[in-house]
C-alpha atoms as a PDB file:
ATOM      1  CA  UNK A   1      13.800   0.561  15.434  1.00  0.00           C
ATOM      2  CA  UNK A   2      10.364   2.174  15.843  1.00  0.00           C
ATOM      3  CA  UNK A   3       7.785   0.513  13.592  1.00  0.00           C
ATOM      4  CA  UNK A   4       4.676   1.996  15.231  1.00  0.00           C
ATOM      5  CA  UNK A   5       3.962   4.004  12.063  1.00  0.00           C
ATOM      6  CA  UNK A   6       3.217   0.739  10.206  1.00  0.00           C
ATOM      7  CA  UNK A   7       0.046   0.039  12.217  1.00  0.00           C
ATOM      8  CA  UNK A   8      -1.956   2.994  10.815  1.00  0.00           C
ATOM      9  CA  UNK A   9      -1.304   1.691   7.286  1.00  0.00           C
ATOM     10  CA  UNK A  10      -2.377  -1.827   8.241  1.00  0.00           C
ATOM     11  CA  UNK A  11      -5.539  -0.510   9.934  1.00  0.00           C
ATOM     12  CA  UNK A  12      -6.304   1.744   6.972  1.00  0.00           C
ATOM     13  CA  UNK A  13      -5.862  -1.091   4.455  1.00  0.00           C
ATOM     14  CA  UNK A  14      -8.176  -3.417   6.388  1.00  0.00           C
ATOM     15  CA  UNK A  15     -10.770  -0.671   6.961  1.00  0.00           C
ATOM     16  CA  UNK A  16     -10.676   0.406   3.310  1.00  0.00           C
ATOM     17  CA  UNK A  17     -11.262  -3.144   2.074  1.00  0.00           C
ATOM     18  CA  UNK A  18     -14.179  -3.496   4.485  1.00  0.00           C
ATOM     19  CA  UNK A  19     -15.828  -0.144   3.743  1.00  0.00           C
ATOM     20  CA  UNK A  20     -15.144   0.207   0.015  1.00  0.00           C
ATOM     21  CA  UNK A  21     -15.226  -3.437  -1.138  1.00  0.00           C
ATOM     22  CA  UNK A  22     -17.229  -5.105   1.653  1.00  0.00           C
ATOM     23  CA  UNK A  23     -14.363  -7.586   2.055  1.00  0.00           C
ATOM     24  CA  UNK A  24     -13.047  -8.876   5.380  1.00  0.00           C
ATOM     25  CA  UNK A  25      -9.265  -9.116   5.546  1.00  0.00           C
ATOM     26  CA  UNK A  26      -6.475  -9.517   8.024  1.00  0.00           C
ATOM     27  CA  UNK A  27      -2.770  -8.825   8.142  1.00  0.00           C
ATOM     28  CA  UNK A  28      -0.126 -11.524   8.040  1.00  0.00           C
ATOM     29  CA  UNK A  29       3.277 -11.346   9.700  1.00  0.00           C
ATOM     30  CA  UNK A  30       5.341  -8.181   9.212  1.00  0.00           C
ATOM     31  CA  UNK A  31       8.768  -8.704   7.627  1.00  0.00           C
ATOM     32  CA  UNK A  32      11.634  -6.518   6.481  1.00  0.00           C
ATOM     33  CA  UNK A  33      12.064  -6.447   2.704  1.00  0.00           C
ATOM     34  CA  UNK A  34      15.593  -7.196   1.545  1.00  0.00           C
ATOM     35  CA  UNK A  35      15.447  -5.919  -2.056  1.00  0.00           C
ATOM     36  CA  UNK A  36      13.454  -3.605  -4.327  1.00  0.00           C
ATOM     37  CA  UNK A  37      11.882  -6.326  -6.506  1.00  0.00           C
ATOM     38  CA  UNK A  38       8.186  -7.041  -6.136  1.00  0.00           C
ATOM     39  CA  UNK A  39       6.952 -10.570  -6.499  1.00  0.00           C
ATOM     40  CA  UNK A  40       3.578  -9.377  -7.798  1.00  0.00           C
ATOM     41  CA  UNK A  41       2.370  -7.868 -11.068  1.00  0.00           C
ATOM     42  CA  UNK A  42       0.576  -4.609 -10.183  1.00  0.00           C
ATOM     43  CA  UNK A  43       1.798  -2.042  -7.654  1.00  0.00           C
ATOM     44  CA  UNK A  44       0.165   1.197  -6.557  1.00  0.00           C
ATOM     45  CA  UNK A  45       2.651   3.639  -5.006  1.00  0.00           C
ATOM     46  CA  UNK A  46       2.146   6.876  -3.088  1.00  0.00           C
ATOM     47  CA  UNK A  47       4.958   9.082  -1.835  1.00  0.00           C
ATOM     48  CA  UNK A  48       4.832  10.568   1.653  1.00  0.00           C
ATOM     49  CA  UNK A  49       6.554  13.809   2.644  1.00  0.00           C
ATOM     50  CA  UNK A  50       6.622  16.299   5.483  1.00  0.00           C
ATOM     51  CA  UNK A  51       7.825  15.567   9.012  1.00  0.00           C
ATOM     52  CA  UNK A  52       8.530  12.037   7.773  1.00  0.00           C
ATOM     53  CA  UNK A  53       9.249  10.875   4.229  1.00  0.00           C
ATOM     54  CA  UNK A  54       8.849   7.640   2.313  1.00  0.00           C
ATOM     55  CA  UNK A  55       6.236   5.642   0.456  1.00  0.00           C
ATOM     56  CA  UNK A  56       3.449   3.116   0.700  1.00  0.00           C
ATOM     57  CA  UNK A  57       2.871   0.424  -1.916  1.00  0.00           C
ATOM     58  CA  UNK A  58       0.039  -2.016  -2.410  1.00  0.00           C
ATOM     59  CA  UNK A  59       1.315  -4.834  -4.626  1.00  0.00           C
ATOM     60  CA  UNK A  60      -0.994  -7.437  -6.199  1.00  0.00           C
ATOM     61  CA  UNK A  61      -0.762 -10.563  -8.316  1.00  0.00           C
ATOM     62  CA  UNK A  62      -2.647  -9.883 -11.562  1.00  0.00           C
ATOM     63  CA  UNK A  63      -5.641 -12.090 -10.697  1.00  0.00           C
ATOM     64  CA  UNK A  64      -6.022 -10.483  -7.260  1.00  0.00           C
ATOM     65  CA  UNK A  65      -5.757  -6.998  -8.796  1.00  0.00           C
ATOM     66  CA  UNK A  66      -8.557  -7.881 -11.241  1.00  0.00           C
ATOM     67  CA  UNK A  67     -10.794  -9.271  -8.452  1.00  0.00           C
ATOM     68  CA  UNK A  68     -10.046  -6.285  -6.207  1.00  0.00           C
ATOM     69  CA  UNK A  69     -10.864  -3.697  -8.874  1.00  0.00           C
ATOM     70  CA  UNK A  70     -13.966  -5.690  -9.849  1.00  0.00           C
ATOM     71  CA  UNK A  71     -15.155  -5.519  -6.223  1.00  0.00           C
ATOM     72  CA  UNK A  72     -14.312  -1.806  -6.039  1.00  0.00           C
ATOM     73  CA  UNK A  73     -16.224  -0.980  -9.234  1.00  0.00           C
ATOM     74  CA  UNK A  74     -19.069  -3.434  -8.685  1.00  0.00           C
ATOM     75  CA  UNK A  75     -18.559  -4.964 -12.137  1.00  0.00           C
ATOM     76  CA  UNK A  76     -16.316  -7.656 -13.564  1.00  0.00           C
ATOM     77  CA  UNK A  77     -12.983  -6.411 -14.869  1.00  0.00           C
ATOM     78  CA  UNK A  78     -11.147  -9.000 -16.968  1.00  0.00           C
ATOM     79  CA  UNK A  79      -8.243  -7.175 -18.604  1.00  0.00           C
ATOM     80  CA  UNK A  80      -5.340  -5.097 -17.369  1.00  0.00           C
ATOM     81  CA  UNK A  81      -6.570  -1.775 -18.742  1.00  0.00           C
ATOM     82  CA  UNK A  82      -7.388   1.661 -17.424  1.00  0.00           C
ATOM     83  CA  UNK A  83      -9.891   0.299 -14.889  1.00  0.00           C
ATOM     84  CA  UNK A  84      -7.106  -1.603 -13.121  1.00  0.00           C
ATOM     85  CA  UNK A  85      -4.623   1.276 -13.074  1.00  0.00           C
ATOM     86  CA  UNK A  86      -7.295   3.741 -11.951  1.00  0.00           C
ATOM     87  CA  UNK A  87      -8.755   1.333  -9.379  1.00  0.00           C
ATOM     88  CA  UNK A  88      -5.435   0.337  -7.790  1.00  0.00           C
ATOM     89  CA  UNK A  89      -4.336   3.984  -7.802  1.00  0.00           C
ATOM     90  CA  UNK A  90      -7.548   5.016  -6.055  1.00  0.00           C
ATOM     91  CA  UNK A  91      -7.244   2.204  -3.520  1.00  0.00           C
ATOM     92  CA  UNK A  92      -3.683   3.141  -2.511  1.00  0.00           C
ATOM     93  CA  UNK A  93      -4.752   6.813  -2.399  1.00  0.00           C
ATOM     94  CA  UNK A  94      -7.584   6.024   0.043  1.00  0.00           C
ATOM     95  CA  UNK A  95      -5.330   3.845   2.199  1.00  0.00           C
ATOM     96  CA  UNK A  96      -2.629   6.537   2.348  1.00  0.00           C
ATOM     97  CA  UNK A  97      -5.157   9.294   3.081  1.00  0.00           C
ATOM     98  CA  UNK A  98      -6.759   7.367   5.931  1.00  0.00           C
ATOM     99  CA  UNK A  99      -3.388   6.378   7.395  1.00  0.00           C
ATOM    100  CA  UNK A 100      -2.276  10.012   7.166  1.00  0.00           C
ATOM    101  CA  UNK A 101      -5.121  10.965   9.534  1.00  0.00           C
ATOM    102  CA  UNK A 102      -3.939   8.393  12.098  1.00  0.00           C
ATOM    103  CA  UNK A 103      -0.332   9.512  11.742  1.00  0.00           C
ATOM    104  CA  UNK A 104      -1.212  13.203  12.062  1.00  0.00           C
ATOM    105  CA  UNK A 105      -3.073  12.415  15.283  1.00  0.00           C
ATOM    106  CA  UNK A 106       0.013  10.546  16.535  1.00  0.00           C
ATOM    107  CA  UNK A 107       2.737  13.067  15.690  1.00  0.00           C
ATOM    108  CA  UNK A 108       3.534  13.268  11.984  1.00  0.00           C
ATOM    109  CA  UNK A 109       2.288  15.999   9.678  1.00  0.00           C
ATOM    110  CA  UNK A 110       2.408  14.380   6.233  1.00  0.00           C
ATOM    111  CA  UNK A 111       1.520  15.180   2.650  1.00  0.00           C
ATOM    112  CA  UNK A 112       0.785  12.489   0.097  1.00  0.00           C
ATOM    113  CA  UNK A 113       1.622  12.519  -3.608  1.00  0.00           C
ATOM    114  CA  UNK A 114      -0.581  11.464  -6.474  1.00  0.00           C
ATOM    115  CA  UNK A 115      -0.655   7.687  -6.915  1.00  0.00           C
ATOM    116  CA  UNK A 116       1.443   5.919  -9.512  1.00  0.00           C
ATOM    117  CA  UNK A 117       0.705   2.384 -10.721  1.00  0.00           C
ATOM    118  CA  UNK A 118       3.349   0.036 -12.105  1.00  0.00           C
ATOM    119  CA  UNK A 119       2.275  -3.036 -14.084  1.00  0.00           C
ATOM    120  CA  UNK A 120       4.612  -5.846 -15.119  1.00  0.00           C
ATOM    121  CA  UNK A 121       6.422  -8.858 -13.766  1.00  0.00           C
ATOM    122  CA  UNK A 122       9.646  -8.359 -11.797  1.00  0.00           C
ATOM    123  CA  UNK A 123       9.314  -4.591 -11.584  1.00  0.00           C
ATOM    124  CA  UNK A 124      11.048  -2.747  -8.776  1.00  0.00           C
ATOM    125  CA  UNK A 125      10.140   0.179  -6.580  1.00  0.00           C
ATOM    126  CA  UNK A 126      13.137   1.629  -4.784  1.00  0.00           C
ATOM    127  CA  UNK A 127      12.863   3.282  -1.398  1.00  0.00           C
ATOM    128  CA  UNK A 128      15.213   5.728   0.260  1.00  0.00           C
ATOM    129  CA  UNK A 129      18.675   4.454   0.977  1.00  0.00           C
ATOM    130  CA  UNK A 130      19.150   3.357   4.561  1.00  0.00           C
ATOM    131  CA  UNK A 131      15.417   3.240   5.320  1.00  0.00           C
ATOM    132  CA  UNK A 132      13.926  -0.205   5.904  1.00  0.00           C
ATOM    133  CA  UNK A 133      10.862  -1.309   3.960  1.00  0.00           C
ATOM    134  CA  UNK A 134       8.337  -3.326   5.924  1.00  0.00           C
ATOM    135  CA  UNK A 135       6.120  -5.821   4.108  1.00  0.00           C
ATOM    136  CA  UNK A 136       2.783  -6.983   5.474  1.00  0.00           C
ATOM    137  CA  UNK A 137       0.793  -9.633   3.618  1.00  0.00           C
ATOM    138  CA  UNK A 138      -2.912  -8.795   3.473  1.00  0.00           C
ATOM    139  CA  UNK A 139      -5.158 -11.860   3.266  1.00  0.00           C
ATOM    140  CA  UNK A 140      -8.773 -11.804   2.065  1.00  0.00           C
ATOM    141  CA  UNK A 141     -11.266 -13.822   0.029  1.00  0.00           C
ATOM    142  CA  UNK A 142     -10.046 -11.872  -3.015  1.00  0.00           C
ATOM    143  CA  UNK A 143      -6.562 -13.303  -2.506  1.00  0.00           C
ATOM    144  CA  UNK A 144      -3.295 -12.237  -0.943  1.00  0.00           C
ATOM    145  CA  UNK A 145      -1.453  -9.015  -1.707  1.00  0.00           C
ATOM    146  CA  UNK A 146       1.315  -7.071  -0.010  1.00  0.00           C
ATOM    147  CA  UNK A 147       1.327  -3.712   1.716  1.00  0.00           C
ATOM    148  CA  UNK A 148       4.809  -2.198   1.840  1.00  0.00           C
ATOM    149  CA  UNK A 149       5.730   0.842   3.873  1.00  0.00           C
ATOM    150  CA  UNK A 150       9.021   2.696   4.063  1.00  0.00           C
ATOM    151  CA  UNK A 151       9.147   5.823   6.183  1.00  0.00           C
ATOM    152  CA  UNK A 152      12.067   7.896   7.438  1.00  0.00           C
ATOM    153  CA  UNK A 153      10.806   9.385  10.671  1.00  0.00           C
ATOM    154  CA  UNK A 154      12.323  12.235  12.708  1.00  0.00           C
ATOM    155  CA  UNK A 155      13.351   9.636  15.325  1.00  0.00           C
ATOM    156  CA  UNK A 156      15.376   7.770  12.689  1.00  0.00           C
ATOM    157  CA  UNK A 157      17.279  10.968  11.822  1.00  0.00           C
ATOM    158  CA  UNK A 158      18.654  11.338  15.351  1.00  0.00           C
END
């Protein structure tokens, strides 16, 4: 199983946190997700299509989402309103856009959808049947959140 496409998303997430939020972060250990349920409260999702297809999710506990959006906006955000949905949507959009550049340079010509944000405990985001979803914890002073990537590549279709 080729998981090399995960690295551009990890690099993009870490770079985005550094450049946009001035927050150092690092990736934890990659794992394969066994179900569609998220353990966190806020998830930004972007679909990927083209020579490969799938999605990227950034999934946050509520308190980490609030701290992350506060850092992004440069002001304290204390409630789960429009600022959080817009901020998490923008963050996942930037991460996907930057990763797309790395992937295009590698071999995949991709398009990204508009971001969607899901808020609520025990929500689920389904990925394509038969395509593994990889989960990478992202650790920073803002707290831990998860980056999830599921991508059906041309190699997987063979």
